[in-house]
Protein backbone atom coordinates (compact mmCIF):
# COMPACT_ATOMS: atom_id res chain seq x y z
CA MET A 1 0.00 0.00 0.00
CA VAL A 2 1.00 3.61 -0.55
CA GLY A 3 3.10 4.85 2.32
CA ASN A 4 3.50 1.39 3.88
CA TRP A 5 7.30 1.15 3.77
CA ARG A 6 7.29 -1.50 6.50
CA ARG A 7 5.83 -4.26 4.34
CA PRO A 8 8.70 -4.53 1.81
CA LEU A 9 11.22 -4.01 4.62
CA ILE A 10 9.71 -6.84 6.69
CA PHE A 11 9.58 -9.27 3.79
CA GLY A 12 13.08 -8.25 2.71
CA LEU A 13 14.46 -8.94 6.18
CA LEU A 14 12.64 -12.27 6.31
CA ALA A 15 14.16 -13.27 2.98
CA VAL A 16 17.66 -12.24 4.06
CA THR A 17 17.40 -14.28 7.26
CA GLY A 18 16.29 -17.38 5.35
CA SER A 19 12.71 -17.36 6.62
CA HIS A 20 10.16 -19.30 4.57
CA ILE A 21 7.29 -17.07 5.69
CA PRO A 22 7.05 -15.04 2.43
CA TRP A 23 7.12 -18.22 0.30
CA ASN A 24 4.57 -19.92 2.56
CA LEU A 25 2.25 -16.92 2.38
CA ARG A 26 2.39 -16.88 -1.41
CA LYS A 27 1.55 -20.61 -1.45
CA ILE A 28 -1.36 -20.10 0.94
CA TRP A 29 -2.91 -17.45 -1.29
CA GLN A 30 -2.58 -19.92 -4.17
CA TYR A 31 -4.31 -22.59 -2.07
CA HIS A 32 -7.02 -20.03 -1.27
CA HIS A 33 -8.13 -20.24 -4.90
CA TYR A 34 -8.00 -24.03 -5.16
CA SER A 35 -11.17 -26.05 -5.64
CA ALA A 36 -12.44 -28.08 -2.70
CA ASP A 37 -11.33 -31.32 -4.36
CA THR A 38 -7.82 -29.99 -5.08
CA LEU A 39 -7.49 -28.79 -1.47
CA LYS A 40 -8.50 -32.22 -0.22
CA GLU A 41 -5.87 -33.85 -2.44
CA LEU A 42 -3.21 -31.43 -1.14
CA GLN A 43 -4.17 -32.14 2.46
CA GLU A 44 -4.07 -35.91 1.96
CA GLN A 45 -0.65 -35.67 0.29
CA LYS A 46 0.70 -33.70 3.26
CA LEU A 47 -0.88 -36.16 5.69
CA GLN A 48 0.75 -39.10 3.91
CA GLN A 49 4.15 -37.38 3.99
CA LEU A 50 3.80 -36.65 7.71
CA LEU A 51 2.79 -40.22 8.51
CA LEU A 52 5.75 -41.62 6.57
CA HIS A 53 8.09 -39.28 8.43
CA ALA A 54 6.57 -40.19 11.80
CA SER A 55 6.88 -43.91 11.05
CA LYS A 56 10.57 -43.52 10.25
CA LYS A 57 11.73 -40.86 12.72
CA VAL A 58 9.40 -40.90 15.77
CA PRO A 59 9.94 -43.87 18.14
CA TYR A 60 6.33 -44.14 19.34
CA TYR A 61 4.83 -43.93 15.86
CA HIS A 62 7.44 -46.23 14.30
CA ALA A 63 5.63 -49.18 15.89
CA GLU A 64 2.15 -47.72 16.39
CA LEU A 65 1.46 -46.75 12.77
CA ARG A 66 2.37 -50.25 11.65
CA ARG A 67 0.32 -51.89 14.37
CA CYS A 68 -2.86 -50.06 13.33
CA GLY A 69 -2.29 -50.63 9.61
CA VAL A 70 -1.58 -47.06 8.51
CA ILE A 71 1.88 -48.09 7.33
CA LYS A 72 1.58 -51.25 5.28
CA LYS A 73 4.22 -53.97 4.97
CA ASN A 74 5.48 -52.49 1.71
CA GLY A 75 6.09 -49.15 3.46
CA THR A 76 3.20 -47.23 1.85
CA VAL A 77 0.48 -45.29 3.65
CA ASP A 78 -3.12 -46.50 3.91
CA LEU A 79 -5.22 -43.46 4.85
CA ALA A 80 -8.31 -45.67 5.12
CA ALA A 81 -6.82 -46.93 8.41
CA PHE A 82 -6.06 -43.46 9.75
CA LYS A 83 -8.94 -43.45 12.26
CA LYS A 84 -7.43 -46.54 13.88
CA VAL A 85 -4.51 -44.42 15.13
CA PRO A 86 -5.00 -44.00 18.90
CA ILE A 87 -6.12 -40.56 20.01
CA MET A 88 -3.31 -38.53 21.58
CA THR A 89 -4.27 -36.96 24.92
CA LYS A 90 -2.35 -34.59 27.18
CA GLU A 91 -1.86 -37.37 29.72
CA LYS A 92 -0.47 -39.67 27.05
CA LEU A 93 1.72 -36.89 25.70
CA ARG A 94 3.25 -36.44 29.16
CA SER A 95 3.85 -40.14 29.70
CA LEU A 96 5.41 -40.78 26.27
CA GLY A 97 7.78 -37.82 26.58
CA GLU A 98 10.76 -38.03 24.23
CA ASN A 99 9.30 -41.05 22.46
CA LEU A 100 7.18 -38.50 20.57
CA HIS A 101 10.24 -36.50 19.48
CA ALA A 102 11.64 -37.07 16.00
CA ILE A 103 15.18 -38.42 16.25
CA ASP A 104 16.35 -35.61 13.94
CA HIS A 105 14.50 -32.76 15.72
CA LYS A 106 17.66 -30.86 16.67
CA SER A 107 18.61 -30.47 13.02
CA ARG A 108 15.18 -28.94 12.41
CA GLY A 109 15.67 -26.02 14.77
CA SER A 110 13.33 -27.45 17.38
CA PHE A 111 12.33 -25.53 20.50
CA GLU A 112 10.09 -26.14 23.49
CA ASN A 113 6.67 -24.60 23.92
CA THR A 114 3.81 -25.13 26.36
CA SER A 115 0.06 -25.49 26.07
CA GLY A 116 -2.05 -22.40 26.70
CA GLY A 117 -3.28 -21.20 30.06
CA SER A 118 -6.98 -21.97 29.63
CA THR A 119 -6.40 -25.71 30.04
CA GLY A 120 -5.00 -25.30 33.52
CA GLU A 121 -2.71 -28.27 32.85
CA PRO A 122 0.20 -27.09 30.68
CA VAL A 123 2.26 -29.66 28.84
CA VAL A 124 5.67 -29.27 27.18
CA PHE A 125 6.09 -30.13 23.52
CA LEU A 126 8.47 -29.46 20.63
CA GLN A 127 7.91 -27.23 17.61
CA ASP A 128 10.38 -26.20 14.93
CA SER A 129 11.24 -23.46 12.48
CA ARG A 130 9.24 -25.14 9.70
CA TYR A 131 6.11 -25.17 11.87
CA LYS A 132 6.73 -21.61 13.08
CA ASP A 133 7.08 -20.19 9.56
CA TRP A 134 3.83 -21.82 8.45
CA ASN A 135 2.01 -20.64 11.58
CA ILE A 136 3.08 -17.01 11.08
CA ALA A 137 2.14 -17.21 7.40
CA ASN A 138 -1.33 -18.38 8.44
CA LYS A 139 -1.64 -15.36 10.75
CA LEU A 140 -0.73 -12.99 7.92
CA TYR A 141 -3.17 -14.79 5.65
CA TYR A 142 -6.24 -14.54 7.86
CA ALA A 143 -5.42 -10.93 8.74
CA GLY A 144 -5.44 -10.35 4.99
CA LEU A 145 -8.84 -12.01 4.75
CA VAL A 146 -10.29 -9.14 6.78
CA GLY A 147 -8.28 -6.44 5.01
CA LYS A 148 -5.26 -5.97 7.27
CA GLN A 149 -1.87 -5.89 5.50
CA VAL A 150 1.60 -6.37 6.98
CA GLY A 151 3.01 -3.07 8.28
CA GLN A 152 -0.32 -1.32 8.76
CA ARG A 153 -0.94 0.05 12.25
CA GLU A 154 -2.23 -2.52 14.71
CA VAL A 155 -2.94 -2.76 18.43
CA LYS A 156 -2.43 -5.98 20.33
CA LEU A 157 -4.45 -6.10 23.56
CA TRP A 158 -2.67 -9.13 24.94
CA GLY A 159 -1.48 -10.70 28.16
CA SER A 160 2.03 -10.12 29.48
CA GLU A 161 2.78 -11.27 33.01
CA ARG A 162 6.41 -10.24 32.46
CA ASP A 163 5.28 -6.65 32.03
CA ILE A 164 3.47 -6.86 35.37
CA LEU A 165 6.12 -8.73 37.38
CA GLN A 166 9.29 -7.30 35.77
CA GLY A 167 8.06 -3.97 34.41
CA SER A 168 9.23 -4.67 30.84
CA ILE A 169 8.24 -6.66 27.77
CA GLY A 170 11.86 -7.01 26.62
CA LEU A 171 13.95 -5.20 24.01
CA LYS A 172 13.39 -7.80 21.28
CA GLU A 173 9.63 -7.50 21.55
CA GLN A 174 9.85 -3.71 21.56
CA LEU A 175 11.85 -3.80 18.32
CA MET A 176 9.40 -6.24 16.74
CA ASN A 177 6.47 -4.05 17.73
CA PHE A 178 8.16 -1.04 16.09
CA LEU A 179 8.93 -2.96 12.92
CA TYR A 180 5.38 -4.33 12.60
CA ASN A 181 3.84 -0.93 13.51
CA ARG A 182 2.23 -2.46 16.57
CA ARG A 183 1.25 -1.09 19.97
CA LEU A 184 1.06 -3.63 22.82
CA LEU A 185 -1.51 -2.96 25.55
CA ASN A 186 -1.50 -5.33 28.53
CA ALA A 187 -4.74 -7.29 28.89
CA PHE A 188 -3.72 -9.11 32.05
CA LEU A 189 -4.26 -6.09 34.28
CA MET A 190 -6.67 -3.32 33.25
CA THR A 191 -7.41 -0.61 35.79
CA GLU A 192 -10.04 2.00 34.97
CA ASP A 193 -7.18 4.44 34.30
CA ASP A 194 -5.56 1.84 32.01
CA MET A 195 -8.77 1.33 30.05
CA ARG A 196 -9.30 5.06 29.67
CA ALA A 197 -5.70 5.37 28.45
CA TYR A 198 -6.18 2.40 26.06
CA VAL A 199 -9.19 4.08 24.47
CA ALA A 200 -7.24 7.32 24.07
CA GLU A 201 -4.23 5.50 22.59
CA ILE A 202 -6.39 3.59 20.11
CA ASP A 203 -7.95 6.86 18.97
CA THR A 204 -4.58 8.59 18.70
CA PHE A 205 -2.72 5.73 17.04
CA ARG A 206 -5.62 4.95 14.68
CA PRO A 207 -4.87 1.25 14.14
CA GLN A 208 -6.25 -0.52 11.10
CA HIS A 209 -6.69 -3.61 13.21
CA ILE A 210 -6.84 -4.90 16.81
CA TRP A 211 -5.77 -8.37 17.99
CA VAL A 212 -7.36 -9.18 21.35
CA TYR A 213 -8.60 -11.73 23.86
CA VAL A 214 -12.39 -12.11 23.66
CA ASP A 215 -13.11 -11.15 27.24
CA SER A 216 -10.60 -8.28 27.21
CA ILE A 217 -12.32 -6.46 24.35
CA TYR A 218 -15.66 -7.17 25.97
CA GLN A 219 -14.49 -5.58 29.24
CA LEU A 220 -13.09 -2.59 27.38
CA ALA A 221 -16.40 -2.16 25.54
CA ARG A 222 -18.33 -2.29 28.80
CA PHE A 223 -16.06 0.37 30.27
CA MET A 224 -16.50 2.58 27.21
CA GLU A 225 -20.28 2.31 27.32
CA ALA A 226 -20.44 2.93 31.08
CA ASN A 227 -18.27 6.05 30.71
CA SER A 228 -19.79 7.33 27.45
CA LEU A 229 -16.48 6.93 25.58
CA VAL A 230 -16.61 6.82 21.79
CA LEU A 231 -13.82 6.10 19.31
CA GLU A 232 -13.55 8.91 16.79
CA HIS A 233 -11.27 6.70 14.70
CA PRO A 234 -12.47 3.10 15.13
CA PRO A 235 -10.39 0.25 13.71
CA ALA A 236 -11.59 -1.40 10.51
CA SER A 237 -11.37 -4.85 12.08
CA VAL A 238 -10.94 -6.72 15.35
CA ILE A 239 -9.82 -10.35 15.58
CA THR A 240 -10.68 -12.09 18.84
CA THR A 241 -9.09 -15.24 20.20
CA ALA A 242 -8.42 -17.15 23.45
CA GLY A 243 -12.07 -17.51 24.32
CA VAL A 244 -15.54 -18.27 23.03
CA LEU A 245 -16.94 -15.46 20.90
CA THR A 246 -20.71 -15.57 21.27
CA GLU A 247 -22.96 -13.67 18.89
CA GLU A 248 -24.13 -11.55 21.84
CA VAL A 249 -20.57 -10.47 22.60
CA ARG A 250 -19.78 -9.88 18.93
CA THR A 251 -22.87 -7.70 18.41
CA TYR A 252 -22.18 -5.74 21.58
CA VAL A 253 -18.50 -5.03 20.83
CA GLU A 254 -19.25 -4.12 17.22
CA SER A 255 -21.89 -1.65 18.41
CA VAL A 256 -19.72 0.03 21.05
CA LEU A 257 -16.49 0.17 18.99
CA ASN A 258 -18.22 0.78 15.65
CA THR A 259 -16.17 -1.94 13.95
CA LYS A 260 -16.37 -5.50 12.66
CA VAL A 261 -15.37 -8.38 14.94
CA TYR A 262 -13.95 -11.60 13.51
CA ASN A 263 -13.46 -14.89 15.30
CA GLN A 264 -10.22 -16.90 15.28
CA TYR A 265 -9.46 -20.32 16.77
CA GLY A 266 -6.09 -21.77 17.71
CA SER A 267 -3.87 -23.04 20.50
CA ARG A 268 -0.22 -23.08 21.47
CA GLU A 269 0.06 -26.82 20.90
CA VAL A 270 -1.04 -26.77 17.28
CA GLY A 271 -1.10 -23.11 16.22
CA ASP A 272 -3.92 -21.29 14.44
CA MET A 273 -6.51 -23.64 12.98
CA ALA A 274 -9.38 -21.50 11.69
CA ALA A 275 -10.51 -17.90 11.24
CA GLU A 276 -13.39 -15.92 9.82
CA ASP A 277 -13.23 -13.79 6.70
CA LYS A 278 -15.26 -10.67 5.92
CA THR A 279 -18.47 -12.66 5.45
CA GLN A 280 -18.41 -13.69 9.16
CA ASN A 281 -19.96 -16.93 7.92
CA GLY A 282 -18.08 -19.72 9.65
CA LEU A 283 -14.38 -20.12 10.41
CA ASN A 284 -12.18 -21.05 7.44
CA THR A 285 -9.87 -23.93 8.31
CA PHE A 286 -6.29 -24.27 7.05
CA PRO A 287 -6.09 -27.70 5.38
CA TRP A 288 -2.51 -27.03 4.24
CA THR A 289 -1.28 -27.08 7.86
CA HIS A 290 -3.94 -28.99 9.82
CA PHE A 291 -6.07 -32.08 9.43
CA LEU A 292 -9.15 -31.64 11.65
CA GLU A 293 -11.59 -34.31 12.72
CA ILE A 294 -14.79 -33.77 14.69
CA THR A 295 -16.06 -36.83 16.54
CA GLU A 296 -19.72 -37.79 16.91
CA SER A 297 -19.73 -36.08 20.30
CA GLY A 298 -18.30 -32.90 18.74
CA GLU A 299 -14.75 -33.20 20.10
CA ILE A 300 -11.93 -31.80 17.96
CA LEU A 301 -8.98 -34.00 16.98
CA VAL A 302 -6.04 -32.21 15.35
CA THR A 303 -3.17 -33.52 13.27
CA THR A 304 -0.41 -30.97 12.62
CA LEU A 305 0.89 -31.34 9.07
CA GLU A 306 3.98 -29.11 9.34
CA ASN A 307 5.54 -29.89 12.72
CA TYR A 308 8.04 -32.62 11.91
CA SER A 309 9.98 -32.32 15.18
CA MET A 310 7.05 -33.66 17.22
CA PRO A 311 4.07 -34.63 15.09
CA LEU A 312 0.79 -34.44 16.97
CA ILE A 313 -1.49 -37.01 15.35
CA ARG A 314 -5.19 -37.10 16.24
CA TYR A 315 -4.52 -34.84 19.23
CA HIS A 316 -7.47 -34.35 21.58
CA ILE A 317 -7.31 -30.63 22.21
CA GLY A 318 -10.22 -30.43 24.65
CA ASP A 319 -12.55 -28.20 22.61
CA THR A 320 -15.73 -28.98 20.70
CA ALA A 321 -16.98 -27.74 17.35
CA GLU A 322 -19.37 -28.32 14.47
CA TRP A 323 -18.79 -28.26 10.73
CA LEU A 324 -20.66 -25.56 8.87
CA ALA A 325 -23.15 -27.14 6.50
CA GLU A 326 -21.84 -27.04 2.93
CA ASN A 327 -24.88 -25.19 1.60
CA LYS A 328 -24.23 -22.40 4.12
CA TYR A 329 -20.63 -21.69 3.18
CA LYS A 330 -21.14 -21.59 -0.56
CA VAL A 331 -21.94 -17.89 -0.14
CA THR A 332 -18.18 -17.20 -0.06
CA GLN A 333 -15.50 -17.80 -2.67
CA ASN A 334 -13.31 -19.58 -0.12
CA THR A 335 -13.51 -23.35 -0.63
CA THR A 336 -11.82 -24.45 2.60
CA PRO A 337 -13.99 -26.50 5.01
CA LYS A 338 -15.53 -24.27 7.66
CA LEU A 339 -16.39 -24.59 11.33
CA SER A 340 -19.71 -23.07 12.33
CA GLN A 341 -18.70 -22.58 15.95
CA VAL A 342 -16.10 -23.61 18.49
CA THR A 343 -16.66 -24.00 22.21
CA GLY A 344 -13.97 -24.67 24.75
CA ARG A 345 -12.92 -24.12 28.31
CA ILE A 346 -13.74 -20.82 29.93
CA THR A 347 -11.28 -18.49 31.65
CA ASN A 348 -13.08 -15.85 33.71
CA HIS A 349 -11.87 -12.34 34.45
CA PHE A 350 -11.50 -11.09 38.03
CA VAL A 351 -12.30 -7.59 39.26
CA ARG A 352 -11.05 -5.42 42.11
CA ALA A 353 -13.02 -2.91 44.17
CA ASP A 354 -11.47 -0.03 42.20
CA GLY A 355 -12.81 -1.47 38.93
CA THR A 356 -9.52 -2.99 37.78
CA VAL A 357 -10.08 -6.03 35.54
CA VAL A 358 -7.59 -8.90 35.86
CA HIS A 359 -7.54 -11.45 33.04
CA GLY A 360 -8.07 -14.99 34.27
CA GLU A 361 -5.16 -16.37 32.28
CA TYR A 362 -2.76 -14.41 34.49
CA PHE A 363 -3.56 -16.83 37.32
CA THR A 364 -3.05 -19.93 35.20
CA HIS A 365 0.43 -18.63 34.34
CA VAL A 366 1.14 -18.34 38.07
CA PHE A 367 0.55 -22.09 38.36
CA TYR A 368 2.66 -23.10 35.37
CA PHE A 369 5.18 -25.91 35.88
CA LYS A 370 4.79 -26.44 39.58
CA SER A 371 5.63 -30.13 39.91
CA TRP A 372 3.50 -30.50 43.04
CA VAL A 373 0.35 -29.17 41.31
CA LYS A 374 -1.62 -31.83 39.45
CA ARG A 375 -4.72 -29.72 38.79
CA PHE A 376 -5.99 -26.38 40.04
CA LYS A 377 -8.81 -23.88 40.02
CA VAL A 378 -8.56 -20.25 41.14
CA ILE A 379 -11.78 -18.74 42.49
CA GLN A 380 -12.49 -15.11 43.37
CA GLU A 381 -15.00 -15.53 46.20
CA GLU A 382 -15.02 -11.89 47.32
CA LEU A 383 -13.39 -8.71 46.07
CA ASP A 384 -10.42 -9.33 48.36
CA LEU A 385 -10.56 -13.13 48.67
CA VAL A 386 -8.99 -15.56 46.21
CA ARG A 387 -9.20 -19.30 46.89
CA CYS A 388 -6.83 -21.66 45.08
CA LEU A 389 -8.04 -25.26 44.88
CA VAL A 390 -5.14 -27.64 44.26
CA VAL A 391 -5.05 -31.36 43.58
CA LEU A 392 -1.59 -32.31 44.82
CA ASN A 393 1.06 -34.28 43.01
CA GLY A 394 3.22 -35.14 45.99
CA LYS A 395 3.96 -32.58 48.71
CA PRO A 396 3.48 -28.81 48.28
CA ASN A 397 6.50 -26.53 47.94
CA PRO A 398 6.20 -23.78 50.62
CA GLU A 399 8.64 -21.42 48.88
CA GLU A 400 6.85 -21.67 45.54
CA GLN A 401 3.48 -21.32 47.26
CA ALA A 402 4.67 -18.12 48.98
CA GLN A 403 5.86 -16.69 45.65
CA MET A 404 2.56 -17.62 43.98
CA THR A 405 0.68 -15.85 46.76
CA ALA A 406 2.83 -12.76 46.23
CA ASP A 407 2.23 -12.86 42.46
CA ILE A 408 -1.53 -13.02 42.98
CA ARG A 409 -1.42 -10.12 45.44
CA THR A 410 0.55 -8.12 42.86
CA VAL A 411 -2.57 -7.89 40.71
CA MET A 412 -5.36 -8.30 43.29
CA GLY A 413 -3.94 -5.95 45.92
CA SER A 414 -1.37 -6.32 48.68
CA ASP A 415 -4.11 -6.71 51.30
CA SER A 416 -6.00 -9.40 49.43
CA ARG A 417 -6.47 -12.77 51.07
CA VAL A 418 -5.05 -15.72 49.14
CA VAL A 419 -6.08 -19.13 50.46
CA PHE A 420 -4.69 -22.46 49.21
CA GLU A 421 -6.99 -25.44 49.71
CA PHE A 422 -5.74 -28.93 48.89
CA VAL A 423 -8.50 -31.20 47.56
CA ASP A 424 -8.84 -34.71 46.15
CA GLU A 425 -10.51 -33.63 42.92
CA ILE A 426 -11.92 -30.62 41.08
CA ALA A 427 -15.20 -31.25 39.34
CA PRO A 428 -16.37 -29.52 36.14
CA SER A 429 -19.05 -26.86 36.41
CA ALA A 430 -22.76 -27.63 36.19
CA SER A 431 -22.61 -26.93 32.45
CA GLY A 432 -19.85 -29.51 32.03
CA LYS A 433 -17.20 -26.89 31.20
CA TYR A 434 -13.88 -26.81 33.02
CA LEU A 435 -13.44 -23.39 34.60
CA TYR A 436 -9.81 -23.00 35.66
CA THR A 437 -10.53 -19.51 36.91
CA GLU A 438 -13.92 -18.43 38.17
CA SER A 439 -15.11 -15.18 39.68
CA LEU A 440 -18.18 -15.32 41.89
CA VAL A 441 -18.07 -11.53 42.05
CA THR A 442 -18.34 -10.55 38.39
CA LYS A 443 -20.49 -13.08 36.59
CA GLU A 444 -22.93 -15.88 36.44
CA GLU A 445 -21.39 -19.02 35.02
CA GLY A 446 -21.16 -18.97 31.25
CA SER A 447 -22.78 -15.55 30.93
CA TYR A 448 -21.18 -12.74 28.98
CA GLU A 449 -24.24 -10.52 28.83
CA PRO A 450 -23.29 -6.81 28.93
CA GLN A 451 -24.09 -5.22 32.28
CA LYS A 452 -24.67 -1.52 32.90
CA ASN A 453 -22.86 0.18 35.75
CA THR A 454 -25.29 1.58 38.30
């Protein structure tokens, strides 16, 4: 675009550093115009290649894919047997450990990552540069679907516990934000002064686009309505993630911010899997990087087609979805299969007496990688009372528990009461959803209905 000097600079730097992102993005836009049958053929070819690799390089799958008949005696792939491959769960992923790592993963630039905070039970897994380049290309693609180009101004209303606990997001991230023309606003802790400043910064910066957690943009919209704040320069688009976007929330945010809100679905384990385009008619999947299955009970199984360091095959991600009926998605030119909706675990926001909103995922990060914590749930019972239910894995660590208490008080107030309660089990909510954070102060379970301040 005219005046957008960042776009050629970014792609030039990516090319110089050997990144495959520009090439991947060009291929994705080619795939975008493929027929449904051609896309299916492409996806099956990639699935066959992944299965062959896993059978040769991944210890667990070397035997398992032969046992279930996916790899035949002559070494070829039989996709008709694919559904016989055992479902991969988080518990199984933990127990198998390095047996799921490709023996050549180090040569692939592999690195460790963890599952997202909403699960409450993070697991460690490997990804690699190949996977990363495809994942970023997907992000640029679906941003393009709603009209946002690389280098245009954007705001990212996102969580950063480092910014809260250390007072900085890091020099590297600051440089990346400058290069991508991005302003980062912290969604993990939003005081009323913060939210007022966020509205002013959005209006001053005039972003083309906002990336945001679902409940964070909802809270910001509620604050704007309660305080009669209006954006004079609203963004052209908002992409929400890390939560369930209901039509009620979408309609409300669109009305208050005078913009269009688009849904996106992904996870840290497997990357971005689906996103809406301008029609807002279902979420377009990415068959060039993911093979998605939906069971009879609606559960999502994901196979990552571009992570060769640790292939996740038929991975049970813990969310549910439905396919959009074919006759409903023919209204768009995009031929990729579409999800009509995605439902998953819920992470509630907490609130302080002064109106500060604390994102629920902050608390799940506090509990990350504590070996003595098997499962947890953090409950705001009163404005100044936070109860932490913990199913123990061995004996608690008093020093870590003290630090966790301090981290919670950092956002909830130094005088807040933090109580740890050790329990035998933590049951799902009445609706069947697993709430890893729950506020009894701010909401009724599962409700995101806008509420007026009185």
